[in-house]
Amino acid sequence: MPELPEVQTIVDDLIHAGIRGKAFASARVFWPRTIHTHTPARFAAAIRGRKVEEIARRGKYILFHLSRGPCLLVHLRMTGRFVLAPPRSRRTRHDQVILRLAGDGRQLRYYDPRKFGRFYLVDDPAAVVGHLGPEPLSRGFTAAVLGQRLAARRRHLKPLLLDQGFLAGLGNIYVDEALWQAGLHPLTSSSSLNATQVGRLHRAIRKVLRKGLANFGTTLGRGAANYYSLERGAGTNEEELRVFRRQGHPCPRCRTTIQRLVVGQRGTHICPACQPPGKPQ
């Protein structure tokens, strides 16, 4: 599933491709469940003629702020991505929604082999993203804020960091990488961290996300269902991963063999030497 760096890269590419300022001339929906808030016909009627005034990200959601009020929010889920196609080009079988742009006729296609992604057309974005926690790269997300939020909960670190209501935008890849950077075991109780550990975790979260952004995201493999940005193709951050999916390899820091375990039903990768068990929940 695309995480903060991947979604932000897609947003940046959409803006660079000139989608901002364009109006949607028409919409065709080929998988009705993609549209969470409307029937396909109502969605097409509601979006027709609306100009994209701004494109932004909140957590793992892409937000298209449209003229005359509504906002189109897109959650890519497991395999969703956007493709910009020339006018009158043939649809592929995994194009679930096609938005035709006014003026140049280009098609902004939502491609999703597993069909888990969702579109929400709402008057108030808070109806969809209001539950999300802080943005981890925002100026207001300080170590003190993180410490307060950790201390208020008694949960294992990894499931808590994956909880979008706790912190927005992190997923399996960047949580594993951040916990390794911070030297924290994923089963450590969130409320047990001292100020030094909180500071390390805060720096680690921001470091791994910024690295992911600099490398235009993480593409794992080259299958059609993997992450690709609109313009840049595959992200290159896989080469920078230290523990994620590197079980059996030596830890880059201490050369201990990286292990894979399951935490909260999620595959999890650690260095048992660099991330010794902390205080359990």
C-alpha atoms as a PDB file:
ATOM      1  CA  MET A   1       0.000   0.000   0.000  1.00  0.00           C
ATOM      2  CA  PRO A   2       1.432   3.419  -0.882  1.00  0.00           C
ATOM      3  CA  GLU A   3       2.503   5.327   2.225  1.00  0.00           C
ATOM      4  CA  LEU A   4       3.226   9.014   2.812  1.00  0.00           C
ATOM      5  CA  PRO A   5       6.278   9.316   0.495  1.00  0.00           C
ATOM      6  CA  GLU A   6       4.551   7.473  -2.346  1.00  0.00           C
ATOM      7  CA  VAL A   7       1.292   9.426  -2.064  1.00  0.00           C
ATOM      8  CA  GLN A   8       3.125  12.753  -1.828  1.00  0.00           C
ATOM      9  CA  THR A   9       5.177  11.862  -4.913  1.00  0.00           C
ATOM     10  CA  ILE A  10       1.959  11.170  -6.825  1.00  0.00           C
ATOM     11  CA  VAL A  11       0.502  14.508  -5.679  1.00  0.00           C
ATOM     12  CA  ASP A  12       3.649  16.324  -6.813  1.00  0.00           C
ATOM     13  CA  ASP A  13       3.492  14.562 -10.180  1.00  0.00           C
ATOM     14  CA  LEU A  14      -0.183  15.418 -10.663  1.00  0.00           C
ATOM     15  CA  ILE A  15       0.609  19.075 -10.083  1.00  0.00           C
ATOM     16  CA  HIS A  16       3.651  18.966 -12.373  1.00  0.00           C
ATOM     17  CA  ALA A  17       1.560  17.319 -15.111  1.00  0.00           C
ATOM     18  CA  GLY A  18      -0.773  20.314 -15.151  1.00  0.00           C
ATOM     19  CA  ILE A  19      -3.858  18.684 -13.614  1.00  0.00           C
ATOM     20  CA  ARG A  20      -4.304  21.646 -11.295  1.00  0.00           C
ATOM     21  CA  GLY A  21      -6.345  24.255 -13.101  1.00  0.00           C
ATOM     22  CA  LYS A  22      -7.969  21.752 -15.454  1.00  0.00           C
ATOM     23  CA  ALA A  23     -11.668  20.890 -15.395  1.00  0.00           C
ATOM     24  CA  PHE A  24     -13.086  17.390 -15.620  1.00  0.00           C
ATOM     25  CA  ALA A  25     -15.038  17.153 -18.874  1.00  0.00           C
ATOM     26  CA  SER A  26     -16.436  13.719 -18.093  1.00  0.00           C
ATOM     27  CA  ALA A  27     -16.049  10.677 -15.867  1.00  0.00           C
ATOM     28  CA  ARG A  28     -16.486   6.991 -16.699  1.00  0.00           C
ATOM     29  CA  VAL A  29     -16.644   4.400 -13.935  1.00  0.00           C
ATOM     30  CA  PHE A  30     -15.945   0.764 -14.743  1.00  0.00           C
ATOM     31  CA  TRP A  31     -15.950  -0.641 -11.198  1.00  0.00           C
ATOM     32  CA  PRO A  32     -18.873   0.918  -9.281  1.00  0.00           C
ATOM     33  CA  ARG A  33     -17.505   0.044  -5.833  1.00  0.00           C
ATOM     34  CA  THR A  34     -14.567   2.373  -6.417  1.00  0.00           C
ATOM     35  CA  ILE A  35     -16.966   5.286  -5.842  1.00  0.00           C
ATOM     36  CA  HIS A  36     -17.809   5.084  -2.160  1.00  0.00           C
ATOM     37  CA  THR A  37     -20.174   8.049  -1.903  1.00  0.00           C
ATOM     38  CA  HIS A  38     -22.155   8.005  -5.158  1.00  0.00           C
ATOM     39  CA  THR A  39     -23.508   5.780  -7.859  1.00  0.00           C
ATOM     40  CA  PRO A  40     -21.358   5.977 -11.007  1.00  0.00           C
ATOM     41  CA  ALA A  41     -23.981   8.092 -12.795  1.00  0.00           C
ATOM     42  CA  ARG A  42     -24.336  10.531  -9.895  1.00  0.00           C
ATOM     43  CA  PHE A  43     -20.577  10.759  -9.531  1.00  0.00           C
ATOM     44  CA  ALA A  44     -20.104  11.515 -13.236  1.00  0.00           C
ATOM     45  CA  ALA A  45     -22.820  14.193 -13.132  1.00  0.00           C
ATOM     46  CA  ALA A  46     -21.457  15.764  -9.940  1.00  0.00           C
ATOM     47  CA  ILE A  47     -17.856  16.001 -11.158  1.00  0.00           C
ATOM     48  CA  ARG A  48     -18.534  17.142 -14.725  1.00  0.00           C
ATOM     49  CA  GLY A  49     -17.299  20.693 -15.323  1.00  0.00           C
ATOM     50  CA  ARG A  50     -15.568  21.009 -11.955  1.00  0.00           C
ATOM     51  CA  LYS A  51     -12.117  22.579 -12.077  1.00  0.00           C
ATOM     52  CA  VAL A  52      -9.285  21.216  -9.965  1.00  0.00           C
ATOM     53  CA  GLU A  53      -8.284  24.202  -7.858  1.00  0.00           C
ATOM     54  CA  GLU A  54      -5.754  22.448  -5.635  1.00  0.00           C
ATOM     55  CA  ILE A  55      -4.235  19.000  -5.136  1.00  0.00           C
ATOM     56  CA  ALA A  56      -2.990  18.017  -1.701  1.00  0.00           C
ATOM     57  CA  ARG A  57      -2.286  15.073   0.562  1.00  0.00           C
ATOM     58  CA  ARG A  58      -3.617  14.180   4.011  1.00  0.00           C
ATOM     59  CA  GLY A  59      -2.194  10.968   5.413  1.00  0.00           C
ATOM     60  CA  LYS A  60      -2.523   8.412   2.608  1.00  0.00           C
ATOM     61  CA  TYR A  61      -5.352  10.294   0.871  1.00  0.00           C
ATOM     62  CA  ILE A  62      -5.051  12.423  -2.268  1.00  0.00           C
ATOM     63  CA  LEU A  63      -7.339  15.474  -2.149  1.00  0.00           C
ATOM     64  CA  PHE A  64      -8.589  17.208  -5.304  1.00  0.00           C
ATOM     65  CA  HIS A  65     -10.189  20.461  -4.165  1.00  0.00           C
ATOM     66  CA  LEU A  66     -12.750  21.296  -6.844  1.00  0.00           C
ATOM     67  CA  SER A  67     -14.488  24.483  -7.932  1.00  0.00           C
ATOM     68  CA  ARG A  68     -17.823  25.387  -6.361  1.00  0.00           C
ATOM     69  CA  GLY A  69     -17.141  23.521  -3.170  1.00  0.00           C
ATOM     70  CA  PRO A  70     -16.747  19.735  -3.238  1.00  0.00           C
ATOM     71  CA  CYS A  71     -13.580  17.760  -2.648  1.00  0.00           C
ATOM     72  CA  LEU A  72     -12.635  14.495  -4.324  1.00  0.00           C
ATOM     73  CA  LEU A  73     -10.585  12.276  -2.018  1.00  0.00           C
ATOM     74  CA  VAL A  74      -8.831   9.165  -3.303  1.00  0.00           C
ATOM     75  CA  HIS A  75      -7.362   6.378  -1.192  1.00  0.00           C
ATOM     76  CA  LEU A  76      -5.163   4.141  -3.331  1.00  0.00           C
ATOM     77  CA  ARG A  77      -5.232   1.157  -0.939  1.00  0.00           C
ATOM     78  CA  MET A  78      -3.133  -1.816  -2.092  1.00  0.00           C
ATOM     79  CA  THR A  79      -2.620  -1.394  -5.839  1.00  0.00           C
ATOM     80  CA  GLY A  80      -4.191   1.879  -6.950  1.00  0.00           C
ATOM     81  CA  ARG A  81      -2.321   4.479  -8.977  1.00  0.00           C
ATOM     82  CA  PHE A  82      -2.959   7.221 -11.512  1.00  0.00           C
ATOM     83  CA  VAL A  83      -1.956   7.097 -15.173  1.00  0.00           C
ATOM     84  CA  LEU A  84      -2.128  10.027 -17.568  1.00  0.00           C
ATOM     85  CA  ALA A  85      -3.151   8.806 -21.030  1.00  0.00           C
ATOM     86  CA  PRO A  86      -3.454  10.618 -24.385  1.00  0.00           C
ATOM     87  CA  PRO A  87      -6.892  11.500 -25.796  1.00  0.00           C
ATOM     88  CA  ARG A  88      -8.925   8.601 -27.224  1.00  0.00           C
ATOM     89  CA  SER A  89      -6.410   5.968 -26.132  1.00  0.00           C
ATOM     90  CA  ARG A  90      -7.753   2.492 -25.412  1.00  0.00           C
ATOM     91  CA  ARG A  91      -8.718   1.518 -21.888  1.00  0.00           C
ATOM     92  CA  THR A  92      -6.801  -1.271 -20.161  1.00  0.00           C
ATOM     93  CA  ARG A  93      -8.723  -3.847 -18.152  1.00  0.00           C
ATOM     94  CA  HIS A  94      -7.513  -2.455 -14.809  1.00  0.00           C
ATOM     95  CA  ASP A  95      -8.564   1.152 -15.470  1.00  0.00           C
ATOM     96  CA  GLN A  96     -11.451   1.459 -13.004  1.00  0.00           C
ATOM     97  CA  VAL A  97     -12.190   5.188 -13.420  1.00  0.00           C
ATOM     98  CA  ILE A  98     -11.345   7.483 -16.338  1.00  0.00           C
ATOM     99  CA  LEU A  99     -11.534  11.254 -15.853  1.00  0.00           C
ATOM    100  CA  ARG A 100     -11.298  13.171 -19.131  1.00  0.00           C
ATOM    101  CA  LEU A 101      -9.741  16.613 -18.880  1.00  0.00           C
ATOM    102  CA  ALA A 102     -11.336  19.583 -20.588  1.00  0.00           C
ATOM    103  CA  GLY A 103      -9.304  21.387 -23.204  1.00  0.00           C
ATOM    104  CA  ASP A 104      -6.617  18.901 -24.129  1.00  0.00           C
ATOM    105  CA  GLY A 105      -8.690  15.718 -23.809  1.00  0.00           C
ATOM    106  CA  ARG A 106      -6.076  13.867 -21.781  1.00  0.00           C
ATOM    107  CA  GLN A 107      -7.379  11.076 -19.578  1.00  0.00           C
ATOM    108  CA  LEU A 108      -6.527  10.809 -15.901  1.00  0.00           C
ATOM    109  CA  ARG A 109      -7.028   7.103 -15.301  1.00  0.00           C
ATOM    110  CA  TYR A 110      -7.339   5.346 -11.978  1.00  0.00           C
ATOM    111  CA  TYR A 111      -5.614   1.975 -12.415  1.00  0.00           C
ATOM    112  CA  ASP A 112      -6.266  -0.624  -9.700  1.00  0.00           C
ATOM    113  CA  PRO A 113      -5.819  -4.371 -10.366  1.00  0.00           C
ATOM    114  CA  ARG A 114      -7.152  -5.465  -6.963  1.00  0.00           C
ATOM    115  CA  LYS A 115      -9.993  -2.911  -6.922  1.00  0.00           C
ATOM    116  CA  PHE A 116      -9.578  -1.951  -3.261  1.00  0.00           C
ATOM    117  CA  GLY A 117      -9.119   1.801  -3.818  1.00  0.00           C
ATOM    118  CA  ARG A 118     -11.922   4.228  -3.057  1.00  0.00           C
ATOM    119  CA  PHE A 119     -13.128   7.651  -4.273  1.00  0.00           C
ATOM    120  CA  TYR A 120     -15.066   9.980  -1.975  1.00  0.00           C
ATOM    121  CA  LEU A 121     -16.799  13.097  -3.305  1.00  0.00           C
ATOM    122  CA  VAL A 122     -17.812  15.183  -0.284  1.00  0.00           C
ATOM    123  CA  ASP A 123     -18.530  18.772   0.670  1.00  0.00           C
ATOM    124  CA  ASP A 124     -16.298  18.618   3.747  1.00  0.00           C
ATOM    125  CA  PRO A 125     -13.019  16.621   3.607  1.00  0.00           C
ATOM    126  CA  ALA A 126     -13.174  16.212   7.386  1.00  0.00           C
ATOM    127  CA  ALA A 127     -15.976  13.700   6.847  1.00  0.00           C
ATOM    128  CA  VAL A 128     -13.309  11.356   5.443  1.00  0.00           C
ATOM    129  CA  VAL A 129      -9.989  12.485   6.959  1.00  0.00           C
ATOM    130  CA  GLY A 130     -11.115  14.161  10.183  1.00  0.00           C
ATOM    131  CA  HIS A 131     -10.129  11.127  12.239  1.00  0.00           C
ATOM    132  CA  LEU A 132      -6.483  11.162  11.137  1.00  0.00           C
ATOM    133  CA  GLY A 133      -3.651  11.881  13.533  1.00  0.00           C
ATOM    134  CA  PRO A 134      -0.878  14.470  13.062  1.00  0.00           C
ATOM    135  CA  GLU A 135       1.221  14.719   9.930  1.00  0.00           C
ATOM    136  CA  PRO A 136       4.664  13.383  10.916  1.00  0.00           C
ATOM    137  CA  LEU A 137       6.580  15.867   8.746  1.00  0.00           C
ATOM    138  CA  SER A 138       4.612  18.906   9.866  1.00  0.00           C
ATOM    139  CA  ARG A 139       6.285  21.630  11.920  1.00  0.00           C
ATOM    140  CA  GLY A 140       3.840  21.050  14.751  1.00  0.00           C
ATOM    141  CA  PHE A 141       4.757  17.381  15.123  1.00  0.00           C
ATOM    142  CA  THR A 142       7.486  17.692  17.737  1.00  0.00           C
ATOM    143  CA  ALA A 143       9.123  15.105  19.968  1.00  0.00           C
ATOM    144  CA  ALA A 144       7.084  16.512  22.840  1.00  0.00           C
ATOM    145  CA  VAL A 145       3.836  15.931  20.914  1.00  0.00           C
ATOM    146  CA  LEU A 146       4.884  12.386  20.055  1.00  0.00           C
ATOM    147  CA  GLY A 147       5.835  11.716  23.671  1.00  0.00           C
ATOM    148  CA  GLN A 148       2.483  12.920  24.944  1.00  0.00           C
ATOM    149  CA  ARG A 149       0.605  10.754  22.473  1.00  0.00           C
ATOM    150  CA  LEU A 150       2.707   7.674  23.266  1.00  0.00           C
ATOM    151  CA  ALA A 151       2.340   8.118  27.011  1.00  0.00           C
ATOM    152  CA  ALA A 152      -1.447   8.373  26.708  1.00  0.00           C
ATOM    153  CA  ARG A 153      -1.671   4.881  25.216  1.00  0.00           C
ATOM    154  CA  ARG A 154      -0.577   1.434  26.293  1.00  0.00           C
ATOM    155  CA  ARG A 155      -0.057  -0.410  23.058  1.00  0.00           C
ATOM    156  CA  HIS A 156       2.709  -2.182  21.219  1.00  0.00           C
ATOM    157  CA  LEU A 157       4.748   0.340  19.256  1.00  0.00           C
ATOM    158  CA  LYS A 158       4.306  -1.088  15.780  1.00  0.00           C
ATOM    159  CA  PRO A 159       0.489  -1.444  15.736  1.00  0.00           C
ATOM    160  CA  LEU A 160       0.203   2.009  17.279  1.00  0.00           C
ATOM    161  CA  LEU A 161       2.422   3.642  14.652  1.00  0.00           C
ATOM    162  CA  LEU A 162       0.374   1.926  11.942  1.00  0.00           C
ATOM    163  CA  ASP A 163      -2.842   3.354  13.415  1.00  0.00           C
ATOM    164  CA  GLN A 164      -3.786   6.280  11.154  1.00  0.00           C
ATOM    165  CA  GLY A 165      -5.712   7.877  14.010  1.00  0.00           C
ATOM    166  CA  PHE A 166      -2.479   8.056  15.987  1.00  0.00           C
ATOM    167  CA  LEU A 167      -0.171   9.259  13.212  1.00  0.00           C
ATOM    168  CA  ALA A 168      -1.088   9.809   9.577  1.00  0.00           C
ATOM    169  CA  GLY A 169       0.745   8.336   6.607  1.00  0.00           C
ATOM    170  CA  LEU A 170       2.941   5.597   8.037  1.00  0.00           C
ATOM    171  CA  GLY A 171       2.663   2.006   6.822  1.00  0.00           C
ATOM    172  CA  ASN A 172       4.513  -1.268   7.183  1.00  0.00           C
ATOM    173  CA  ILE A 173       7.662  -0.237   5.312  1.00  0.00           C
ATOM    174  CA  TYR A 174       8.424   3.036   7.056  1.00  0.00           C
ATOM    175  CA  VAL A 175       7.409   1.828  10.531  1.00  0.00           C
ATOM    176  CA  ASP A 176       9.881  -1.067  10.323  1.00  0.00           C
ATOM    177  CA  GLU A 177      12.586   1.272   9.053  1.00  0.00           C
ATOM    178  CA  ALA A 178      11.909   3.909  11.731  1.00  0.00           C
ATOM    179  CA  LEU A 179      11.913   1.403  14.587  1.00  0.00           C
ATOM    180  CA  TRP A 180      15.258   0.037  13.370  1.00  0.00           C
ATOM    181  CA  GLN A 181      16.687   3.548  13.099  1.00  0.00           C
ATOM    182  CA  ALA A 182      15.508   4.285  16.649  1.00  0.00           C
ATOM    183  CA  GLY A 183      16.704   0.945  18.054  1.00  0.00           C
ATOM    184  CA  LEU A 184      13.263   0.054  19.381  1.00  0.00           C
ATOM    185  CA  HIS A 185      11.572  -3.329  19.392  1.00  0.00           C
ATOM    186  CA  PRO A 186       8.107  -3.314  17.769  1.00  0.00           C
ATOM    187  CA  LEU A 187       6.525  -5.028  20.804  1.00  0.00           C
ATOM    188  CA  THR A 188       7.724  -2.410  23.279  1.00  0.00           C
ATOM    189  CA  SER A 189       4.904  -0.734  25.202  1.00  0.00           C
ATOM    190  CA  SER A 190       4.321   2.793  23.907  1.00  0.00           C
ATOM    191  CA  SER A 191       3.879   4.210  27.413  1.00  0.00           C
ATOM    192  CA  SER A 192       7.251   2.839  28.596  1.00  0.00           C
ATOM    193  CA  LEU A 193       9.496   5.010  26.437  1.00  0.00           C
ATOM    194  CA  ASN A 194      11.706   7.557  28.134  1.00  0.00           C
ATOM    195  CA  ALA A 195      12.465  11.012  26.705  1.00  0.00           C
ATOM    196  CA  THR A 196      15.646   9.825  24.971  1.00  0.00           C
ATOM    197  CA  GLN A 197      13.838   6.980  23.245  1.00  0.00           C
ATOM    198  CA  VAL A 198      10.975   9.256  22.203  1.00  0.00           C
ATOM    199  CA  GLY A 199      13.473  11.690  20.703  1.00  0.00           C
ATOM    200  CA  ARG A 200      15.177   8.904  18.760  1.00  0.00           C
ATOM    201  CA  LEU A 201      11.849   7.637  17.441  1.00  0.00           C
ATOM    202  CA  HIS A 202      10.748  11.138  16.427  1.00  0.00           C
ATOM    203  CA  ARG A 203      13.972  11.737  14.492  1.00  0.00           C
ATOM    204  CA  ALA A 204      13.826   8.268  12.939  1.00  0.00           C
ATOM    205  CA  ILE A 205      10.254   8.678  11.658  1.00  0.00           C
ATOM    206  CA  ARG A 206      11.080  11.953   9.982  1.00  0.00           C
ATOM    207  CA  LYS A 207      14.390  10.655   8.610  1.00  0.00           C
ATOM    208  CA  VAL A 208      12.960   7.572   6.891  1.00  0.00           C
ATOM    209  CA  LEU A 209      10.016   9.537   5.452  1.00  0.00           C
ATOM    210  CA  ARG A 210      12.262  12.279   4.074  1.00  0.00           C
ATOM    211  CA  LYS A 211      14.543   9.659   2.539  1.00  0.00           C
ATOM    212  CA  GLY A 212      11.520   8.012   0.933  1.00  0.00           C
ATOM    213  CA  LEU A 213      10.415  11.356  -0.483  1.00  0.00           C
ATOM    214  CA  ALA A 214      13.889  12.098  -1.842  1.00  0.00           C
ATOM    215  CA  ASN A 215      13.832   8.735  -3.642  1.00  0.00           C
ATOM    216  CA  PHE A 216      10.266   9.217  -4.970  1.00  0.00           C
ATOM    217  CA  GLY A 217       8.912   6.341  -2.890  1.00  0.00           C
ATOM    218  CA  THR A 218       9.504   2.622  -2.523  1.00  0.00           C
ATOM    219  CA  THR A 219       8.645   0.201  -5.336  1.00  0.00           C
ATOM    220  CA  LEU A 220       8.979  -3.437  -4.259  1.00  0.00           C
ATOM    221  CA  GLY A 221       9.419  -5.491  -7.412  1.00  0.00           C
ATOM    222  CA  ARG A 222       8.360  -4.569 -10.927  1.00  0.00           C
ATOM    223  CA  GLY A 223       4.907  -6.128 -11.258  1.00  0.00           C
ATOM    224  CA  ALA A 224       1.984  -4.136 -12.626  1.00  0.00           C
ATOM    225  CA  ALA A 225       0.349  -4.044  -9.178  1.00  0.00           C
ATOM    226  CA  ASN A 226       3.338  -2.384  -7.496  1.00  0.00           C
ATOM    227  CA  TYR A 227       3.690   1.315  -6.754  1.00  0.00           C
ATOM    228  CA  TYR A 228       4.508   3.636  -9.653  1.00  0.00           C
ATOM    229  CA  SER A 229       4.231   7.404  -9.652  1.00  0.00           C
ATOM    230  CA  LEU A 230       2.491   9.320 -12.416  1.00  0.00           C
ATOM    231  CA  GLU A 231       5.626  10.656 -14.124  1.00  0.00           C
ATOM    232  CA  ARG A 232       8.712   9.165 -12.480  1.00  0.00           C
ATOM    233  CA  GLY A 233       7.823   5.479 -12.688  1.00  0.00           C
ATOM    234  CA  ALA A 234       9.242   3.218 -10.013  1.00  0.00           C
ATOM    235  CA  GLY A 235      10.534   4.738  -6.799  1.00  0.00           C
ATOM    236  CA  THR A 236      14.150   3.995  -5.917  1.00  0.00           C
ATOM    237  CA  ASN A 237      13.913   3.859  -2.128  1.00  0.00           C
ATOM    238  CA  GLU A 238      14.034   0.032  -2.057  1.00  0.00           C
ATOM    239  CA  GLU A 239      17.814   0.344  -2.351  1.00  0.00           C
ATOM    240  CA  GLU A 240      17.871   2.389   0.868  1.00  0.00           C
ATOM    241  CA  LEU A 241      15.858  -0.019   3.048  1.00  0.00           C
ATOM    242  CA  ARG A 242      17.810  -1.332   6.022  1.00  0.00           C
ATOM    243  CA  VAL A 243      15.551  -4.060   7.430  1.00  0.00           C
ATOM    244  CA  PHE A 244      12.248  -4.240   5.568  1.00  0.00           C
ATOM    245  CA  ARG A 245      12.114  -7.550   3.634  1.00  0.00           C
ATOM    246  CA  ARG A 246      15.808  -8.110   4.330  1.00  0.00           C
ATOM    247  CA  GLN A 247      15.411 -11.149   6.575  1.00  0.00           C
ATOM    248  CA  GLY A 248      18.468 -13.382   6.411  1.00  0.00           C
ATOM    249  CA  HIS A 249      20.751 -10.476   5.474  1.00  0.00           C
ATOM    250  CA  PRO A 250      23.225  -8.882   7.875  1.00  0.00           C
ATOM    251  CA  CYS A 251      22.160  -5.756   9.718  1.00  0.00           C
ATOM    252  CA  PRO A 252      23.920  -2.728   8.147  1.00  0.00           C
ATOM    253  CA  ARG A 253      24.763  -1.461  11.628  1.00  0.00           C
ATOM    254  CA  CYS A 254      25.978  -4.527  13.575  1.00  0.00           C
ATOM    255  CA  ARG A 255      25.992  -7.424  11.032  1.00  0.00           C
ATOM    256  CA  THR A 256      23.534  -9.517  13.077  1.00  0.00           C
ATOM    257  CA  THR A 257      21.135 -11.476  10.861  1.00  0.00           C
ATOM    258  CA  ILE A 258      17.852  -9.636  10.306  1.00  0.00           C
ATOM    259  CA  GLN A 259      14.783 -11.574  11.395  1.00  0.00           C
ATOM    260  CA  ARG A 260      11.150 -11.583  10.331  1.00  0.00           C
ATOM    261  CA  LEU A 261       8.362 -11.909  12.883  1.00  0.00           C
ATOM    262  CA  VAL A 262       4.643 -11.220  12.911  1.00  0.00           C
ATOM    263  CA  VAL A 263       3.318  -8.336  14.984  1.00  0.00           C
ATOM    264  CA  GLY A 264      -0.374  -7.531  14.908  1.00  0.00           C
ATOM    265  CA  GLN A 265      -0.781  -9.843  11.898  1.00  0.00           C
ATOM    266  CA  ARG A 266       1.777  -7.825   9.947  1.00  0.00           C
ATOM    267  CA  GLY A 267       5.115  -9.116   8.703  1.00  0.00           C
ATOM    268  CA  THR A 268       7.764  -7.251  10.689  1.00  0.00           C
ATOM    269  CA  HIS A 269      11.515  -7.024  10.225  1.00  0.00           C
ATOM    270  CA  ILE A 270      14.032  -6.346  12.981  1.00  0.00           C
ATOM    271  CA  CYS A 271      17.647  -6.655  13.994  1.00  0.00           C
ATOM    272  CA  PRO A 272      17.500  -8.632  17.273  1.00  0.00           C
ATOM    273  CA  ALA A 273      20.742  -7.032  18.466  1.00  0.00           C
ATOM    274  CA  CYS A 274      19.953  -3.406  17.602  1.00  0.00           C
ATOM    275  CA  GLN A 275      16.312  -3.724  18.700  1.00  0.00           C
ATOM    276  CA  PRO A 276      16.320  -5.694  21.947  1.00  0.00           C
ATOM    277  CA  PRO A 277      12.936  -6.383  23.578  1.00  0.00           C
ATOM    278  CA  GLY A 278      11.800  -3.465  25.684  1.00  0.00           C
ATOM    279  CA  LYS A 279       9.125  -3.275  28.314  1.00  0.00           C
ATOM    280  CA  PRO A 280       6.155  -5.264  26.968  1.00  0.00           C
ATOM    281  CA  GLN A 281       2.589  -4.038  26.960  1.00  0.00           C
END
